[in-house]
PDB file of N, CA and C in Angstrom:
ATOM      1  N   MET A   1      28.690 -31.448  23.690  1.00  0.00           N
ATOM      2  CA  MET A   1      27.495 -30.358  23.592  1.00  0.00           C
ATOM      3  C   MET A   1      28.304 -28.917  23.279  1.00  0.00           C
ATOM      4  N   PRO A   2      27.964 -28.167  22.018  1.00  0.00           N
ATOM      5  CA  PRO A   2      28.550 -26.858  22.197  1.00  0.00           C
ATOM      6  C   PRO A   2      28.124 -25.631  22.989  1.00  0.00           C
ATOM      7  N   ALA A   3      28.910 -24.617  23.176  1.00  0.00           N
ATOM      8  CA  ALA A   3      28.777 -23.904  23.990  1.00  0.00           C
ATOM      9  C   ALA A   3      27.198 -22.938  23.626  1.00  0.00           C
ATOM     10  N   PRO A   4      26.618 -22.450  24.650  1.00  0.00           N
ATOM     11  CA  PRO A   4      25.448 -21.689  24.519  1.00  0.00           C
ATOM     12  C   PRO A   4      25.531 -20.690  24.016  1.00  0.00           C
ATOM     13  N   ALA A   5      24.579 -20.417  22.694  1.00  0.00           N
ATOM     14  CA  ALA A   5      24.803 -18.706  22.298  1.00  0.00           C
ATOM     15  C   ALA A   5      23.243 -18.364  21.903  1.00  0.00           C
ATOM     16  N   PHE A   6      23.000 -16.708  22.520  1.00  0.00           N
ATOM     17  CA  PHE A   6      21.884 -16.335  22.595  1.00  0.00           C
ATOM     18  C   PHE A   6      21.862 -16.171  20.845  1.00  0.00           C
ATOM     19  N   VAL A   7      20.249 -16.233  20.448  1.00  0.00           N
ATOM     20  CA  VAL A   7      19.714 -16.534  18.922  1.00  0.00           C
ATOM     21  C   VAL A   7      18.402 -15.837  19.033  1.00  0.00           C
ATOM     22  N   GLY A   8      18.156 -15.074  20.258  1.00  0.00           N
ATOM     23  CA  GLY A   8      16.855 -14.530  20.201  1.00  0.00           C
ATOM     24  C   GLY A   8      15.971 -14.642  21.165  1.00  0.00           C
ATOM     25  N   SER A   9      14.746 -13.989  21.372  1.00  0.00           N
ATOM     26  CA  SER A   9      13.985 -14.627  22.252  1.00  0.00           C
ATOM     27  C   SER A   9      12.562 -15.058  21.298  1.00  0.00           C
ATOM     28  N   VAL A  10      11.532 -15.802  22.686  1.00  0.00           N
ATOM     29  CA  VAL A  10      10.254 -16.513  22.171  1.00  0.00           C
ATOM     30  C   VAL A  10       9.459 -15.644  22.638  1.00  0.00           C
ATOM     31  N   GLY A  11       8.102 -15.066  22.085  1.00  0.00           N
ATOM     32  CA  GLY A  11       7.031 -14.342  22.937  1.00  0.00           C
ATOM     33  C   GLY A  11       5.648 -15.010  22.842  1.00  0.00           C
ATOM     34  N   THR A  12       5.931 -16.030  22.398  1.00  0.00           N
ATOM     35  CA  THR A  12       4.625 -16.262  21.682  1.00  0.00           C
ATOM     36  C   THR A  12       4.243 -17.878  22.164  1.00  0.00           C
ATOM     37  N   GLY A  13       3.456 -18.572  22.303  1.00  0.00           N
ATOM     38  CA  GLY A  13       3.510 -20.112  22.379  1.00  0.00           C
ATOM     39  C   GLY A  13       3.039 -20.265  23.787  1.00  0.00           C
ATOM     40  N   PHE A  14       2.645 -19.619  24.914  1.00  0.00           N
ATOM     41  CA  PHE A  14       2.912 -20.081  26.277  1.00  0.00           C
ATOM     42  C   PHE A  14       1.618 -19.869  26.715  1.00  0.00           C
ATOM     43  N   THR A  15       1.032 -21.328  27.075  1.00  0.00           N
ATOM     44  CA  THR A  15      -0.358 -20.870  28.300  1.00  0.00           C
ATOM     45  C   THR A  15      -0.062 -20.404  29.160  1.00  0.00           C
ATOM     46  N   ALA A  16      -0.847 -19.982  30.311  1.00  0.00           N
ATOM     47  CA  ALA A  16      -0.767 -19.797  31.530  1.00  0.00           C
ATOM     48  C   ALA A  16      -0.127 -21.225  32.430  1.00  0.00           C
ATOM     49  N   ALA A  17      -0.751 -22.292  32.097  1.00  0.00           N
ATOM     50  CA  ALA A  17       0.002 -23.669  32.896  1.00  0.00           C
ATOM     51  C   ALA A  17       1.440 -23.806  32.743  1.00  0.00           C
ATOM     52  N   LEU A  18       1.705 -23.772  31.165  1.00  0.00           N
ATOM     53  CA  LEU A  18       2.876 -23.358  30.624  1.00  0.00           C
ATOM     54  C   LEU A  18       3.907 -22.734  31.096  1.00  0.00           C
ATOM     55  N   ALA A  19       3.670 -21.716  31.059  1.00  0.00           N
ATOM     56  CA  ALA A  19       4.403 -20.400  31.578  1.00  0.00           C
ATOM     57  C   ALA A  19       4.652 -20.488  32.768  1.00  0.00           C
ATOM     58  N   THR A  20       4.065 -21.104  34.088  1.00  0.00           N
ATOM     59  CA  THR A  20       3.785 -21.135  35.476  1.00  0.00           C
ATOM     60  C   THR A  20       5.300 -22.792  35.600  1.00  0.00           C
ATOM     61  N   SER A  21       4.623 -23.512  34.809  1.00  0.00           N
ATOM     62  CA  SER A  21       5.898 -24.547  34.878  1.00  0.00           C
ATOM     63  C   SER A  21       7.171 -24.369  34.301  1.00  0.00           C
ATOM     64  N   VAL A  22       7.388 -23.598  33.319  1.00  0.00           N
ATOM     65  CA  VAL A  22       8.403 -23.167  32.564  1.00  0.00           C
ATOM     66  C   VAL A  22       9.361 -22.457  34.033  1.00  0.00           C
ATOM     67  N   ARG A  23       8.387 -21.260  34.546  1.00  0.00           N
ATOM     68  CA  ARG A  23       9.161 -20.764  35.764  1.00  0.00           C
ATOM     69  C   ARG A  23       9.884 -21.470  36.609  1.00  0.00           C
ATOM     70  N   LYS A  24       8.750 -22.655  36.929  1.00  0.00           N
ATOM     71  CA  LYS A  24       9.265 -23.401  38.265  1.00  0.00           C
ATOM     72  C   LYS A  24      10.561 -24.123  37.691  1.00  0.00           C
ATOM     73  N   ALA A  25      10.731 -24.232  36.680  1.00  0.00           N
ATOM     74  CA  ALA A  25      11.845 -25.173  36.120  1.00  0.00           C
ATOM     75  C   ALA A  25      13.018 -24.262  36.337  1.00  0.00           C
ATOM     76  N   LEU A  26      13.030 -22.988  35.498  1.00  0.00           N
ATOM     77  CA  LEU A  26      13.976 -21.806  35.746  1.00  0.00           C
ATOM     78  C   LEU A  26      14.532 -21.661  36.875  1.00  0.00           C
ATOM     79  N   ASP A  27      13.737 -21.435  38.258  1.00  0.00           N
ATOM     80  CA  ASP A  27      13.404 -20.971  39.081  1.00  0.00           C
ATOM     81  C   ASP A  27      14.834 -21.720  39.928  1.00  0.00           C
ATOM     82  N   ALA A  28      14.915 -22.964  39.855  1.00  0.00           N
ATOM     83  CA  ALA A  28      15.428 -24.252  40.253  1.00  0.00           C
ATOM     84  C   ALA A  28      17.179 -24.412  39.811  1.00  0.00           C
ATOM     85  N   ILE A  29      17.125 -23.470  38.418  1.00  0.00           N
ATOM     86  CA  ILE A  29      18.714 -23.372  38.095  1.00  0.00           C
ATOM     87  C   ILE A  29      19.155 -21.980  37.886  1.00  0.00           C
ATOM     88  N   THR A  30      18.881 -21.062  38.783  1.00  0.00           N
ATOM     89  CA  THR A  30      19.553 -19.779  38.826  1.00  0.00           C
ATOM     90  C   THR A  30      21.077 -19.941  38.725  1.00  0.00           C
ATOM     91  N   ARG A  31      21.784 -18.386  38.650  1.00  0.00           N
ATOM     92  CA  ARG A  31      23.113 -18.503  38.530  1.00  0.00           C
ATOM     93  C   ARG A  31      23.337 -17.110  39.338  1.00  0.00           C
ATOM     94  N   GLU A  32      24.673 -16.896  38.993  1.00  0.00           N
ATOM     95  CA  GLU A  32      25.112 -15.533  39.468  1.00  0.00           C
ATOM     96  C   GLU A  32      25.326 -14.448  38.031  1.00  0.00           C
ATOM     97  N   GLY A  33      25.697 -15.407  36.997  1.00  0.00           N
ATOM     98  CA  GLY A  33      25.747 -14.180  35.872  1.00  0.00           C
ATOM     99  C   GLY A  33      25.163 -15.187  34.401  1.00  0.00           C
ATOM    100  N   PRO A  34      25.572 -14.648  33.499  1.00  0.00           N
ATOM    101  CA  PRO A  34      25.217 -15.353  32.195  1.00  0.00           C
ATOM    102  C   PRO A  34      25.908 -15.990  31.602  1.00  0.00           C
ATOM    103  N   ALA A  35      25.030 -16.986  30.936  1.00  0.00           N
ATOM    104  CA  ALA A  35      25.970 -18.108  30.423  1.00  0.00           C
ATOM    105  C   ALA A  35      26.720 -17.993  29.032  1.00  0.00           C
ATOM    106  N   VAL A  36      25.816 -16.658  28.236  1.00  0.00           N
ATOM    107  CA  VAL A  36      26.566 -16.178  26.911  1.00  0.00           C
ATOM    108  C   VAL A  36      26.999 -15.079  27.404  1.00  0.00           C
ATOM    109  N   ALA A  37      27.554 -14.386  26.115  1.00  0.00           N
ATOM    110  CA  ALA A  37      27.840 -13.153  26.364  1.00  0.00           C
ATOM    111  C   ALA A  37      26.697 -11.774  25.764  1.00  0.00           C
ATOM    112  N   LEU A  38      25.838 -12.008  27.015  1.00  0.00           N
ATOM    113  CA  LEU A  38      24.726 -10.551  27.099  1.00  0.00           C
ATOM    114  C   LEU A  38      24.547 -10.184  28.496  1.00  0.00           C
ATOM    115  N   ARG A  39      24.526  -9.013  28.313  1.00  0.00           N
ATOM    116  CA  ARG A  39      24.532  -8.093  29.717  1.00  0.00           C
ATOM    117  C   ARG A  39      23.226  -7.240  29.443  1.00  0.00           C
ATOM    118  N   GLN A  40      22.697  -7.483  30.693  1.00  0.00           N
ATOM    119  CA  GLN A  40      21.097  -6.671  30.859  1.00  0.00           C
ATOM    120  C   GLN A  40      20.838  -6.284  31.783  1.00  0.00           C
ATOM    121  N   LYS A  41      20.292  -5.475  32.472  1.00  0.00           N
ATOM    122  CA  LYS A  41      19.798  -5.005  33.794  1.00  0.00           C
ATOM    123  C   LYS A  41      18.246  -6.045  34.472  1.00  0.00           C
ATOM    124  N   GLY A  42      18.141  -6.229  35.485  1.00  0.00           N
ATOM    125  CA  GLY A  42      16.792  -7.114  35.476  1.00  0.00           C
ATOM    126  C   GLY A  42      16.736  -8.446  34.989  1.00  0.00           C
ATOM    127  N   ILE A  43      17.561  -9.159  35.152  1.00  0.00           N
ATOM    128  CA  ILE A  43      17.452 -10.322  34.785  1.00  0.00           C
ATOM    129  C   ILE A  43      17.905 -11.273  35.438  1.00  0.00           C
ATOM    130  N   VAL A  44      17.216 -12.587  35.818  1.00  0.00           N
ATOM    131  CA  VAL A  44      17.720 -13.474  36.325  1.00  0.00           C
ATOM    132  C   VAL A  44      18.402 -14.644  35.625  1.00  0.00           C
ATOM    133  N   TRP A  45      19.284 -15.021  35.816  1.00  0.00           N
ATOM    134  CA  TRP A  45      20.329 -16.240  34.749  1.00  0.00           C
ATOM    135  C   TRP A  45      20.342 -17.329  35.302  1.00  0.00           C
ATOM    136  N   THR A  46      20.054 -18.152  34.490  1.00  0.00           N
ATOM    137  CA  THR A  46      20.054 -19.409  34.677  1.00  0.00           C
ATOM    138  C   THR A  46      20.848 -20.349  34.361  1.00  0.00           C
ATOM    139  N   GLU A  47      21.412 -21.623  34.731  1.00  0.00           N
ATOM    140  CA  GLU A  47      21.948 -22.778  34.253  1.00  0.00           C
ATOM    141  C   GLU A  47      21.572 -22.932  32.795  1.00  0.00           C
ATOM    142  N   PRO A  48      22.463 -23.181  31.619  1.00  0.00           N
ATOM    143  CA  PRO A  48      21.394 -23.559  30.047  1.00  0.00           C
ATOM    144  C   PRO A  48      21.611 -24.940  30.367  1.00  0.00           C
ATOM    145  N   THR A  49      20.612 -25.449  31.213  1.00  0.00           N
ATOM    146  CA  THR A  49      20.197 -26.875  30.861  1.00  0.00           C
ATOM    147  C   THR A  49      18.984 -27.121  30.640  1.00  0.00           C
ATOM    148  N   LEU A  50      18.023 -26.346  30.606  1.00  0.00           N
ATOM    149  CA  LEU A  50      16.864 -26.939  29.987  1.00  0.00           C
ATOM    150  C   LEU A  50      16.735 -26.915  28.515  1.00  0.00           C
ATOM    151  N   ILE A  51      16.081 -27.662  27.557  1.00  0.00           N
ATOM    152  CA  ILE A  51      16.093 -27.772  26.053  1.00  0.00           C
ATOM    153  C   ILE A  51      14.774 -27.206  25.939  1.00  0.00           C
ATOM    154  N   ALA A  52      14.562 -26.360  25.128  1.00  0.00           N
ATOM    155  CA  ALA A  52      13.522 -25.433  24.689  1.00  0.00           C
ATOM    156  C   ALA A  52      13.210 -25.935  23.030  1.00  0.00           C
ATOM    157  N   GLU A  53      11.667 -26.404  22.631  1.00  0.00           N
ATOM    158  CA  GLU A  53      11.482 -26.818  21.597  1.00  0.00           C
ATOM    159  C   GLU A  53      11.072 -25.067  20.850  1.00  0.00           C
ATOM    160  N   VAL A  54      11.487 -24.674  19.966  1.00  0.00           N
ATOM    161  CA  VAL A  54      10.998 -23.758  19.510  1.00  0.00           C
ATOM    162  C   VAL A  54      11.253 -23.992  17.250  1.00  0.00           C
ATOM    163  N   ALA A  55       9.766 -23.653  17.175  1.00  0.00           N
ATOM    164  CA  ALA A  55       9.188 -23.443  15.959  1.00  0.00           C
ATOM    165  C   ALA A  55       9.632 -22.148  15.549  1.00  0.00           C
ATOM    166  N   PHE A  56      10.282 -22.131  14.469  1.00  0.00           N
ATOM    167  CA  PHE A  56      10.789 -20.741  13.532  1.00  0.00           C
ATOM    168  C   PHE A  56      10.688 -20.612  12.254  1.00  0.00           C
ATOM    169  N   ARG A  57      10.751 -19.263  11.511  1.00  0.00           N
ATOM    170  CA  ARG A  57      10.460 -19.824  10.083  1.00  0.00           C
ATOM    171  C   ARG A  57      11.854 -19.631   9.450  1.00  0.00           C
ATOM    172  N   GLY A  58      12.810 -18.951   9.752  1.00  0.00           N
ATOM    173  CA  GLY A  58      13.962 -18.855   9.476  1.00  0.00           C
ATOM    174  C   GLY A  58      15.156 -17.895  10.546  1.00  0.00           C
ATOM    175  N   TRP A  59      16.307 -17.678   9.939  1.00  0.00           N
ATOM    176  CA  TRP A  59      16.995 -16.746  10.498  1.00  0.00           C
ATOM    177  C   TRP A  59      16.901 -15.304   9.989  1.00  0.00           C
ATOM    178  N   THR A  60      17.689 -14.780  10.804  1.00  0.00           N
ATOM    179  CA  THR A  60      17.962 -12.774  10.329  1.00  0.00           C
ATOM    180  C   THR A  60      19.258 -12.826   9.568  1.00  0.00           C
ATOM    181  N   GLY A  61      19.342 -11.843   8.855  1.00  0.00           N
ATOM    182  CA  GLY A  61      20.841 -11.593   8.684  1.00  0.00           C
ATOM    183  C   GLY A  61      21.803 -11.303   9.765  1.00  0.00           C
ATOM    184  N   ASP A  62      21.451 -11.059  11.011  1.00  0.00           N
ATOM    185  CA  ASP A  62      22.466 -10.836  12.318  1.00  0.00           C
ATOM    186  C   ASP A  62      22.502 -12.456  12.748  1.00  0.00           C
ATOM    187  N   GLY A  63      21.781 -13.742  12.353  1.00  0.00           N
ATOM    188  CA  GLY A  63      22.051 -14.384  12.743  1.00  0.00           C
ATOM    189  C   GLY A  63      20.645 -14.985  14.295  1.00  0.00           C
ATOM    190  N   LEU A  64      19.909 -14.365  14.105  1.00  0.00           N
ATOM    191  CA  LEU A  64      18.702 -14.152  15.304  1.00  0.00           C
ATOM    192  C   LEU A  64      17.455 -15.186  14.428  1.00  0.00           C
ATOM    193  N   LEU A  65      16.650 -15.558  15.505  1.00  0.00           N
ATOM    194  CA  LEU A  65      15.438 -16.178  15.079  1.00  0.00           C
ATOM    195  C   LEU A  65      14.423 -15.679  14.380  1.00  0.00           C
ATOM    196  N   ARG A  66      13.783 -15.633  13.326  1.00  0.00           N
ATOM    197  CA  ARG A  66      12.815 -15.203  12.832  1.00  0.00           C
ATOM    198  C   ARG A  66      11.455 -15.546  13.050  1.00  0.00           C
ATOM    199  N   HIS A  67      10.572 -15.170  13.748  1.00  0.00           N
ATOM    200  CA  HIS A  67       9.082 -15.686  13.727  1.00  0.00           C
ATOM    201  C   HIS A  67       9.153 -16.934  14.630  1.00  0.00           C
ATOM    202  N   SER A  68       9.689 -16.517  16.066  1.00  0.00           N
ATOM    203  CA  SER A  68       9.653 -17.930  16.751  1.00  0.00           C
ATOM    204  C   SER A  68       8.555 -18.040  17.732  1.00  0.00           C
ATOM    205  N   SER A  69       8.310 -19.204  17.655  1.00  0.00           N
ATOM    206  CA  SER A  69       7.123 -19.789  18.773  1.00  0.00           C
ATOM    207  C   SER A  69       7.603 -20.938  19.826  1.00  0.00           C
ATOM    208  N   PHE A  70       7.483 -20.616  20.672  1.00  0.00           N
ATOM    209  CA  PHE A  70       7.584 -22.144  22.003  1.00  0.00           C
ATOM    210  C   PHE A  70       6.786 -22.967  21.584  1.00  0.00           C
ATOM    211  N   LYS A  71       7.154 -23.979  21.645  1.00  0.00           N
ATOM    212  CA  LYS A  71       6.585 -25.409  22.214  1.00  0.00           C
ATOM    213  C   LYS A  71       6.441 -26.374  23.164  1.00  0.00           C
ATOM    214  N   GLY A  72       7.648 -25.833  23.830  1.00  0.00           N
ATOM    215  CA  GLY A  72       7.452 -26.709  25.134  1.00  0.00           C
ATOM    216  C   GLY A  72       9.154 -26.881  25.577  1.00  0.00           C
ATOM    217  N   ILE A  73       9.346 -27.676  26.862  1.00  0.00           N
ATOM    218  CA  ILE A  73      10.525 -28.389  26.760  1.00  0.00           C
ATOM    219  C   ILE A  73      10.892 -29.624  26.859  1.00  0.00           C
ATOM    220  N   ARG A  74      12.341 -29.724  25.941  1.00  0.00           N
ATOM    221  CA  ARG A  74      12.182 -31.435  25.720  1.00  0.00           C
ATOM    222  C   ARG A  74      12.518 -32.102  26.683  1.00  0.00           C
ATOM    223  N   ASP A  75      12.545 -33.085  26.735  1.00  0.00           N
ATOM    224  CA  ASP A  75      13.303 -34.356  27.585  1.00  0.00           C
ATOM    225  C   ASP A  75      14.409 -34.536  27.227  1.00  0.00           C
ATOM    226  N   ARG A  76      15.316 -34.081  28.242  1.00  0.00           N
ATOM    227  CA  ARG A  76      17.113 -34.085  28.001  1.00  0.00           C
ATOM    228  C   ARG A  76      17.358 -35.801  27.541  1.00  0.00           C
ATOM    229  N   ALA A  77      16.776 -37.003  27.360  1.00  0.00           N
ATOM    230  CA  ALA A  77      17.361 -38.045  26.878  1.00  0.00           C
ATOM    231  C   ALA A  77      17.371 -37.971  25.306  1.00  0.00           C
ATOM    232  N   ASP A  78      16.431 -36.962  24.790  1.00  0.00           N
ATOM    233  CA  ASP A  78      16.710 -36.684  23.230  1.00  0.00           C
ATOM    234  C   ASP A  78      17.772 -35.516  23.098  1.00  0.00           C
ATOM    235  N   ALA A  79      18.415 -35.066  23.787  1.00  0.00           N
ATOM    236  CA  ALA A  79      19.080 -33.428  23.415  1.00  0.00           C
ATOM    237  C   ALA A  79      19.992 -33.887  22.291  1.00  0.00           C
ATOM    238  N   ALA A  80      20.831 -35.716  22.115  1.00  0.00           N
ATOM    239  CA  ALA A  80      21.521 -35.397  21.129  1.00  0.00           C
ATOM    240  C   ALA A  80      20.761 -34.957  19.442  1.00  0.00           C
ATOM    241  N   LYS A  81      19.543 -35.222  19.739  1.00  0.00           N
ATOM    242  CA  LYS A  81      18.903 -35.065  18.600  1.00  0.00           C
ATOM    243  C   LYS A  81      18.645 -33.134  18.234  1.00  0.00           C
ATOM    244  N   VAL A  82      18.806 -32.523  19.450  1.00  0.00           N
ATOM    245  CA  VAL A  82      18.664 -31.068  19.117  1.00  0.00           C
ATOM    246  C   VAL A  82      19.582 -30.504  18.036  1.00  0.00           C
ATOM    247  N   TYR A  83      19.128 -29.604  17.408  1.00  0.00           N
ATOM    248  CA  TYR A  83      19.871 -29.115  16.179  1.00  0.00           C
ATOM    249  C   TYR A  83      20.442 -27.708  17.380  1.00  0.00           C
ATOM    250  N   HIS A  84      22.101 -27.254  17.255  1.00  0.00           N
ATOM    251  CA  HIS A  84      22.385 -26.466  17.876  1.00  0.00           C
ATOM    252  C   HIS A  84      23.321 -25.443  17.230  1.00  0.00           C
ATOM    253  N   ARG A  85      23.092 -24.163  17.010  1.00  0.00           N
ATOM    254  CA  ARG A  85      23.488 -22.872  16.461  1.00  0.00           C
ATOM    255  C   ARG A  85      24.846 -22.403  17.610  1.00  0.00           C
ATOM    256  N   THR A  86      25.906 -22.389  17.212  1.00  0.00           N
ATOM    257  CA  THR A  86      26.671 -21.519  17.980  1.00  0.00           C
ATOM    258  C   THR A  86      27.311 -20.350  17.281  1.00  0.00           C
ATOM    259  N   GLY A  87      27.605 -19.256  18.277  1.00  0.00           N
ATOM    260  CA  GLY A  87      27.975 -18.148  17.833  1.00  0.00           C
ATOM    261  C   GLY A  87      27.364 -17.902  16.605  1.00  0.00           C
TER     262      GLY A  87
END
């Protein structure tokens, strides 16, 4: 699997129940530092092991997602079918 790469954030698509579920999953995989080259204060870092399904309209000129929307956490069994964008 390719190394993780930051491609933007997702701020829509979460219900209260889904946000709670995702938070529990993330709390279980915290780590000391970032898995990608990104530094910000006040962030809790996690191991890059969960696979998020995200719908988006395209890519910006600087390689970030455009109009992204969270659809859910995917099963790890189908990880080979996930599109990976690196660096």
